[in-house]
Amino acid sequence: MKMNYNKIKYWNNRKDPNNNDARSVSEKHISWVTNHIDEKDLNILEYGPGVGRMIDSYKNKKISFYDISDVYKDRLIKKCEDLSVIVDEYVIDKSGNITTQFRDNQFDLVCVFEVLLHSPNDEIDDLMSELSRIGKKVMVITWYRDGEKISNNHCFTRDYKNIINKNNFDLLVWDEKTFKDQVAFIYRNK
């Protein structure tokens, strides 16, 4: 049975998504990301940046963004300006179909923070494959409880290791100890 969930409508109607939720973004999150961005990662895309909660990770860097809603764009751009983050490209794609936007390996790193949990189960394999097609590696932080399946009308947890194995990705980093109820991982195409 197909779920009646429209992710674009959902994000267009959220006014202040998780803005003050310390579990979502903390200094520990910023530090983890900063420590895992290699100095060779010059061309970075953040997929689903929203209000820019992770922008502190990119201080003095140039970055591109892809989002399905323009509701938060002005706030994000202002935050980038305040932190000396140079916005290379900002793509708003209200179709939600990233497949036509970017070339193979266009980015050294694609960052996806708390976005995969909002992708329906019937889209997750294709999305993770597409992210690894456009990025040489993909960094993810998402909600995760090992062995527990939570699903409601807009949040989904899943077995990411199984998805990685099933799609023949190369798992570079797996960390489910640093953050409570979250996993951080980096993967790429083999």
C-alpha atoms as a PDB file:
ATOM      1  CA  MET A   1       0.000   0.000   0.000  1.00  0.00           C
ATOM      2  CA  LYS A   2       1.500   3.341  -1.067  1.00  0.00           C
ATOM      3  CA  MET A   3       1.696   5.977   1.651  1.00  0.00           C
ATOM      4  CA  ASN A   4       0.079   9.354   1.020  1.00  0.00           C
ATOM      5  CA  TYR A   5       3.072  11.527   1.867  1.00  0.00           C
ATOM      6  CA  ASN A   6       4.105  14.541  -0.180  1.00  0.00           C
ATOM      7  CA  LYS A   7       7.564  15.571   1.021  1.00  0.00           C
ATOM      8  CA  ILE A   8       7.534  18.880  -0.881  1.00  0.00           C
ATOM      9  CA  LYS A   9       4.212  19.911   0.628  1.00  0.00           C
ATOM     10  CA  TYR A  10       5.439  18.777   4.054  1.00  0.00           C
ATOM     11  CA  TRP A  11       8.551  21.018   3.916  1.00  0.00           C
ATOM     12  CA  ASN A  12       6.737  23.977   2.398  1.00  0.00           C
ATOM     13  CA  ASN A  13       4.399  23.973   5.398  1.00  0.00           C
ATOM     14  CA  ARG A  14       7.047  23.715   8.156  1.00  0.00           C
ATOM     15  CA  LYS A  15       7.878  27.156   9.526  1.00  0.00           C
ATOM     16  CA  ASP A  16      10.795  26.468  11.877  1.00  0.00           C
ATOM     17  CA  PRO A  17      11.995  22.885  11.455  1.00  0.00           C
ATOM     18  CA  ASN A  18      13.909  21.573  14.466  1.00  0.00           C
ATOM     19  CA  ASN A  19      15.599  24.924  14.867  1.00  0.00           C
ATOM     20  CA  ASN A  20      16.136  24.601  18.616  1.00  0.00           C
ATOM     21  CA  ASP A  21      16.426  20.836  18.940  1.00  0.00           C
ATOM     22  CA  ALA A  22      19.837  20.146  20.521  1.00  0.00           C
ATOM     23  CA  ARG A  23      19.576  16.487  19.530  1.00  0.00           C
ATOM     24  CA  SER A  24      19.475  17.534  15.878  1.00  0.00           C
ATOM     25  CA  VAL A  25      22.545  19.750  15.798  1.00  0.00           C
ATOM     26  CA  SER A  26      25.146  20.183  18.479  1.00  0.00           C
ATOM     27  CA  GLU A  27      28.805  21.099  18.654  1.00  0.00           C
ATOM     28  CA  LYS A  28      29.429  17.350  18.530  1.00  0.00           C
ATOM     29  CA  HIS A  29      27.661  17.163  15.148  1.00  0.00           C
ATOM     30  CA  ILE A  30      29.598  20.132  13.762  1.00  0.00           C
ATOM     31  CA  SER A  31      32.873  18.672  15.036  1.00  0.00           C
ATOM     32  CA  TRP A  32      32.149  15.228  13.556  1.00  0.00           C
ATOM     33  CA  VAL A  33      31.410  16.699  10.145  1.00  0.00           C
ATOM     34  CA  THR A  34      34.358  19.101  10.222  1.00  0.00           C
ATOM     35  CA  ASN A  35      36.698  16.252  11.182  1.00  0.00           C
ATOM     36  CA  HIS A  36      35.442  14.114   8.301  1.00  0.00           C
ATOM     37  CA  ILE A  37      35.695  16.763   5.577  1.00  0.00           C
ATOM     38  CA  ASP A  38      39.022  16.171   3.867  1.00  0.00           C
ATOM     39  CA  GLU A  39      41.054  19.141   2.644  1.00  0.00           C
ATOM     40  CA  LYS A  40      40.671  17.619  -0.853  1.00  0.00           C
ATOM     41  CA  ASP A  41      36.877  17.995  -0.558  1.00  0.00           C
ATOM     42  CA  LEU A  42      36.763  21.309  -2.402  1.00  0.00           C
ATOM     43  CA  ASN A  43      33.476  20.824  -4.208  1.00  0.00           C
ATOM     44  CA  ILE A  44      30.718  20.065  -1.660  1.00  0.00           C
ATOM     45  CA  LEU A  45      26.958  19.717  -2.082  1.00  0.00           C
ATOM     46  CA  GLU A  46      24.566  19.690   0.847  1.00  0.00           C
ATOM     47  CA  TYR A  47      21.388  17.878  -0.100  1.00  0.00           C
ATOM     48  CA  GLY A  48      18.408  19.305   1.822  1.00  0.00           C
ATOM     49  CA  PRO A  49      20.057  22.111   3.805  1.00  0.00           C
ATOM     50  CA  GLY A  50      16.784  23.595   5.072  1.00  0.00           C
ATOM     51  CA  VAL A  51      17.520  26.463   7.484  1.00  0.00           C
ATOM     52  CA  GLY A  52      21.240  25.697   7.464  1.00  0.00           C
ATOM     53  CA  ARG A  53      21.685  24.031  10.814  1.00  0.00           C
ATOM     54  CA  MET A  54      25.000  22.464   9.711  1.00  0.00           C
ATOM     55  CA  ILE A  55      26.463  25.558   8.013  1.00  0.00           C
ATOM     56  CA  ASP A  56      29.017  25.974  10.817  1.00  0.00           C
ATOM     57  CA  SER A  57      30.715  22.864   9.372  1.00  0.00           C
ATOM     58  CA  TYR A  58      31.630  24.743   6.197  1.00  0.00           C
ATOM     59  CA  LYS A  59      33.177  27.974   7.504  1.00  0.00           C
ATOM     60  CA  ASN A  60      35.348  29.597   4.833  1.00  0.00           C
ATOM     61  CA  LYS A  61      34.394  27.002   2.213  1.00  0.00           C
ATOM     62  CA  LYS A  62      32.505  27.133  -1.042  1.00  0.00           C
ATOM     63  CA  ILE A  63      29.399  24.964  -1.150  1.00  0.00           C
ATOM     64  CA  SER A  64      26.419  24.131  -3.339  1.00  0.00           C
ATOM     65  CA  PHE A  65      22.932  23.341  -2.129  1.00  0.00           C
ATOM     66  CA  TYR A  66      20.029  21.286  -3.442  1.00  0.00           C
ATOM     67  CA  ASP A  67      16.595  21.550  -1.865  1.00  0.00           C
ATOM     68  CA  ILE A  68      12.990  20.797  -2.754  1.00  0.00           C
ATOM     69  CA  SER A  69      11.605  23.869  -1.008  1.00  0.00           C
ATOM     70  CA  ASP A  70      12.590  27.524  -1.176  1.00  0.00           C
ATOM     71  CA  VAL A  71      10.849  28.394   2.105  1.00  0.00           C
ATOM     72  CA  TYR A  72      14.147  28.563   4.018  1.00  0.00           C
ATOM     73  CA  LYS A  73      16.420  29.914   1.283  1.00  0.00           C
ATOM     74  CA  ASP A  74      16.734  33.500   2.580  1.00  0.00           C
ATOM     75  CA  ARG A  75      17.581  32.321   6.114  1.00  0.00           C
ATOM     76  CA  LEU A  76      20.162  29.901   4.764  1.00  0.00           C
ATOM     77  CA  ILE A  77      21.821  32.487   2.500  1.00  0.00           C
ATOM     78  CA  LYS A  78      21.989  34.992   5.379  1.00  0.00           C
ATOM     79  CA  LYS A  79      23.586  32.397   7.639  1.00  0.00           C
ATOM     80  CA  CYS A  80      26.136  31.574   4.929  1.00  0.00           C
ATOM     81  CA  GLU A  81      27.017  35.256   4.592  1.00  0.00           C
ATOM     82  CA  ASP A  82      27.409  35.590   8.365  1.00  0.00           C
ATOM     83  CA  LEU A  83      29.825  32.618   8.475  1.00  0.00           C
ATOM     84  CA  SER A  84      31.812  33.432   5.303  1.00  0.00           C
ATOM     85  CA  VAL A  85      30.479  30.390   3.479  1.00  0.00           C
ATOM     86  CA  ILE A  86      30.485  31.005  -0.268  1.00  0.00           C
ATOM     87  CA  VAL A  87      27.407  29.674  -2.044  1.00  0.00           C
ATOM     88  CA  ASP A  88      28.524  28.307  -5.409  1.00  0.00           C
ATOM     89  CA  GLU A  89      25.131  27.101  -6.586  1.00  0.00           C
ATOM     90  CA  TYR A  90      21.672  26.846  -5.023  1.00  0.00           C
ATOM     91  CA  VAL A  91      19.255  24.545  -6.816  1.00  0.00           C
ATOM     92  CA  ILE A  92      15.591  24.556  -5.863  1.00  0.00           C
ATOM     93  CA  ASP A  93      13.892  21.631  -7.557  1.00  0.00           C
ATOM     94  CA  LYS A  94      10.225  21.482  -6.700  1.00  0.00           C
ATOM     95  CA  SER A  95       9.891  18.178  -8.547  1.00  0.00           C
ATOM     96  CA  GLY A  96      12.099  16.497  -5.946  1.00  0.00           C
ATOM     97  CA  ASN A  97      13.879  14.600  -8.728  1.00  0.00           C
ATOM     98  CA  ILE A  98      17.619  15.078  -8.329  1.00  0.00           C
ATOM     99  CA  THR A  99      18.494  12.716 -11.196  1.00  0.00           C
ATOM    100  CA  THR A 100      18.665  15.391 -13.881  1.00  0.00           C
ATOM    101  CA  GLN A 101      20.463  18.106 -11.935  1.00  0.00           C
ATOM    102  CA  PHE A 102      24.106  17.041 -11.663  1.00  0.00           C
ATOM    103  CA  ARG A 103      26.864  15.161 -13.540  1.00  0.00           C
ATOM    104  CA  ASP A 104      28.529  11.947 -12.420  1.00  0.00           C
ATOM    105  CA  ASN A 105      31.093  12.658  -9.662  1.00  0.00           C
ATOM    106  CA  GLN A 106      30.431  16.386  -9.913  1.00  0.00           C
ATOM    107  CA  PHE A 107      31.045  16.767  -6.169  1.00  0.00           C
ATOM    108  CA  ASP A 108      33.915  15.584  -3.999  1.00  0.00           C
ATOM    109  CA  LEU A 109      31.482  15.218  -1.116  1.00  0.00           C
ATOM    110  CA  VAL A 110      27.697  15.161  -0.794  1.00  0.00           C
ATOM    111  CA  CYS A 111      26.399  15.884   2.735  1.00  0.00           C
ATOM    112  CA  VAL A 112      22.995  14.639   3.829  1.00  0.00           C
ATOM    113  CA  PHE A 113      21.987  15.526   7.379  1.00  0.00           C
ATOM    114  CA  GLU A 114      18.671  14.326   8.777  1.00  0.00           C
ATOM    115  CA  VAL A 115      17.158  14.147   5.308  1.00  0.00           C
ATOM    116  CA  LEU A 116      17.123  10.432   4.507  1.00  0.00           C
ATOM    117  CA  LEU A 117      14.641   9.836   7.315  1.00  0.00           C
ATOM    118  CA  HIS A 118      12.129  11.931   5.364  1.00  0.00           C
ATOM    119  CA  SER A 119      12.489   9.888   2.171  1.00  0.00           C
ATOM    120  CA  PRO A 120       9.780   7.256   1.727  1.00  0.00           C
ATOM    121  CA  ASN A 121      10.875   3.623   1.692  1.00  0.00           C
ATOM    122  CA  ASP A 122      10.077   3.218  -1.997  1.00  0.00           C
ATOM    123  CA  GLU A 123      12.539   6.049  -2.827  1.00  0.00           C
ATOM    124  CA  ILE A 124      15.489   5.397  -0.494  1.00  0.00           C
ATOM    125  CA  ASP A 125      17.511   3.004  -2.694  1.00  0.00           C
ATOM    126  CA  ASP A 126      17.241   5.285  -5.717  1.00  0.00           C
ATOM    127  CA  LEU A 127      18.072   8.387  -3.669  1.00  0.00           C
ATOM    128  CA  MET A 128      21.156   6.868  -2.056  1.00  0.00           C
ATOM    129  CA  SER A 129      22.299   5.592  -5.458  1.00  0.00           C
ATOM    130  CA  GLU A 130      21.804   8.982  -7.041  1.00  0.00           C
ATOM    131  CA  LEU A 131      23.711  10.744  -4.259  1.00  0.00           C
ATOM    132  CA  SER A 132      26.639   8.357  -4.746  1.00  0.00           C
ATOM    133  CA  ARG A 133      26.483   8.900  -8.513  1.00  0.00           C
ATOM    134  CA  ILE A 134      26.884  12.680  -8.222  1.00  0.00           C
ATOM    135  CA  GLY A 135      29.358  12.567  -5.312  1.00  0.00           C
ATOM    136  CA  LYS A 136      32.663  10.772  -4.968  1.00  0.00           C
ATOM    137  CA  LYS A 137      31.557  10.066  -1.405  1.00  0.00           C
ATOM    138  CA  VAL A 138      28.415  10.719   0.630  1.00  0.00           C
ATOM    139  CA  MET A 139      28.368  11.762   4.307  1.00  0.00           C
ATOM    140  CA  VAL A 140      25.158  11.021   6.216  1.00  0.00           C
ATOM    141  CA  ILE A 141      23.870  11.746   9.704  1.00  0.00           C
ATOM    142  CA  THR A 142      20.383  10.452  10.323  1.00  0.00           C
ATOM    143  CA  TRP A 143      18.081   9.126  13.037  1.00  0.00           C
ATOM    144  CA  TYR A 144      18.700   5.463  13.640  1.00  0.00           C
ATOM    145  CA  ARG A 145      17.869   2.914  16.269  1.00  0.00           C
ATOM    146  CA  ASP A 146      19.483  -0.443  15.598  1.00  0.00           C
ATOM    147  CA  GLY A 147      16.823  -3.083  15.136  1.00  0.00           C
ATOM    148  CA  GLU A 148      13.915  -0.692  15.649  1.00  0.00           C
ATOM    149  CA  LYS A 149      11.654   0.328  12.809  1.00  0.00           C
ATOM    150  CA  ILE A 150       9.847   3.629  13.291  1.00  0.00           C
ATOM    151  CA  SER A 151       7.574   4.927  10.605  1.00  0.00           C
ATOM    152  CA  ASN A 152       5.002   7.683  10.695  1.00  0.00           C
ATOM    153  CA  ASN A 153       3.650   9.975   8.042  1.00  0.00           C
ATOM    154  CA  HIS A 154       6.959  11.816   7.521  1.00  0.00           C
ATOM    155  CA  CYS A 155       9.815   9.939   9.266  1.00  0.00           C
ATOM    156  CA  PHE A 156      11.240   6.539   8.432  1.00  0.00           C
ATOM    157  CA  THR A 157      14.107   4.595  10.012  1.00  0.00           C
ATOM    158  CA  ARG A 158      15.704   1.762   8.151  1.00  0.00           C
ATOM    159  CA  ASP A 159      18.595  -0.673   8.019  1.00  0.00           C
ATOM    160  CA  TYR A 160      21.214   1.465   6.275  1.00  0.00           C
ATOM    161  CA  LYS A 161      23.881  -1.247   6.356  1.00  0.00           C
ATOM    162  CA  ASN A 162      21.522  -3.528   4.445  1.00  0.00           C
ATOM    163  CA  ILE A 163      20.829  -0.779   1.879  1.00  0.00           C
ATOM    164  CA  ILE A 164      24.570  -0.199   1.488  1.00  0.00           C
ATOM    165  CA  ASN A 165      25.238  -3.916   0.990  1.00  0.00           C
ATOM    166  CA  LYS A 166      22.251  -4.460  -1.301  1.00  0.00           C
ATOM    167  CA  ASN A 167      23.316  -1.588  -3.573  1.00  0.00           C
ATOM    168  CA  ASN A 168      26.966  -2.640  -3.561  1.00  0.00           C
ATOM    169  CA  PHE A 169      28.214   0.612  -2.014  1.00  0.00           C
ATOM    170  CA  ASP A 170      31.537   0.848  -0.243  1.00  0.00           C
ATOM    171  CA  LEU A 171      31.027   1.763   3.445  1.00  0.00           C
ATOM    172  CA  LEU A 172      33.940   3.981   4.510  1.00  0.00           C
ATOM    173  CA  VAL A 173      32.824   5.085   8.006  1.00  0.00           C
ATOM    174  CA  TRP A 174      30.097   3.781  10.322  1.00  0.00           C
ATOM    175  CA  ASP A 175      29.528   5.491  13.701  1.00  0.00           C
ATOM    176  CA  GLU A 176      26.493   4.747  15.830  1.00  0.00           C
ATOM    177  CA  LYS A 177      28.201   5.550  19.146  1.00  0.00           C
ATOM    178  CA  THR A 178      28.848   9.300  18.905  1.00  0.00           C
ATOM    179  CA  PHE A 179      25.223  10.453  18.773  1.00  0.00           C
ATOM    180  CA  LYS A 180      22.240   9.224  20.749  1.00  0.00           C
ATOM    181  CA  ASP A 181      19.634   7.671  18.438  1.00  0.00           C
ATOM    182  CA  GLN A 182      21.591   8.702  15.333  1.00  0.00           C
ATOM    183  CA  VAL A 183      24.113   7.124  13.018  1.00  0.00           C
ATOM    184  CA  ALA A 184      26.807   8.899  11.020  1.00  0.00           C
ATOM    185  CA  PHE A 185      28.295   7.175   8.013  1.00  0.00           C
ATOM    186  CA  ILE A 186      30.176   7.788   4.797  1.00  0.00           C
ATOM    187  CA  TYR A 187      29.721   5.644   1.704  1.00  0.00           C
ATOM    188  CA  ARG A 188      30.550   5.681  -2.002  1.00  0.00           C
ATOM    189  CA  ASN A 189      30.155   3.641  -5.147  1.00  0.00           C
ATOM    190  CA  LYS A 190      32.632   0.785  -5.461  1.00  0.00           C
END
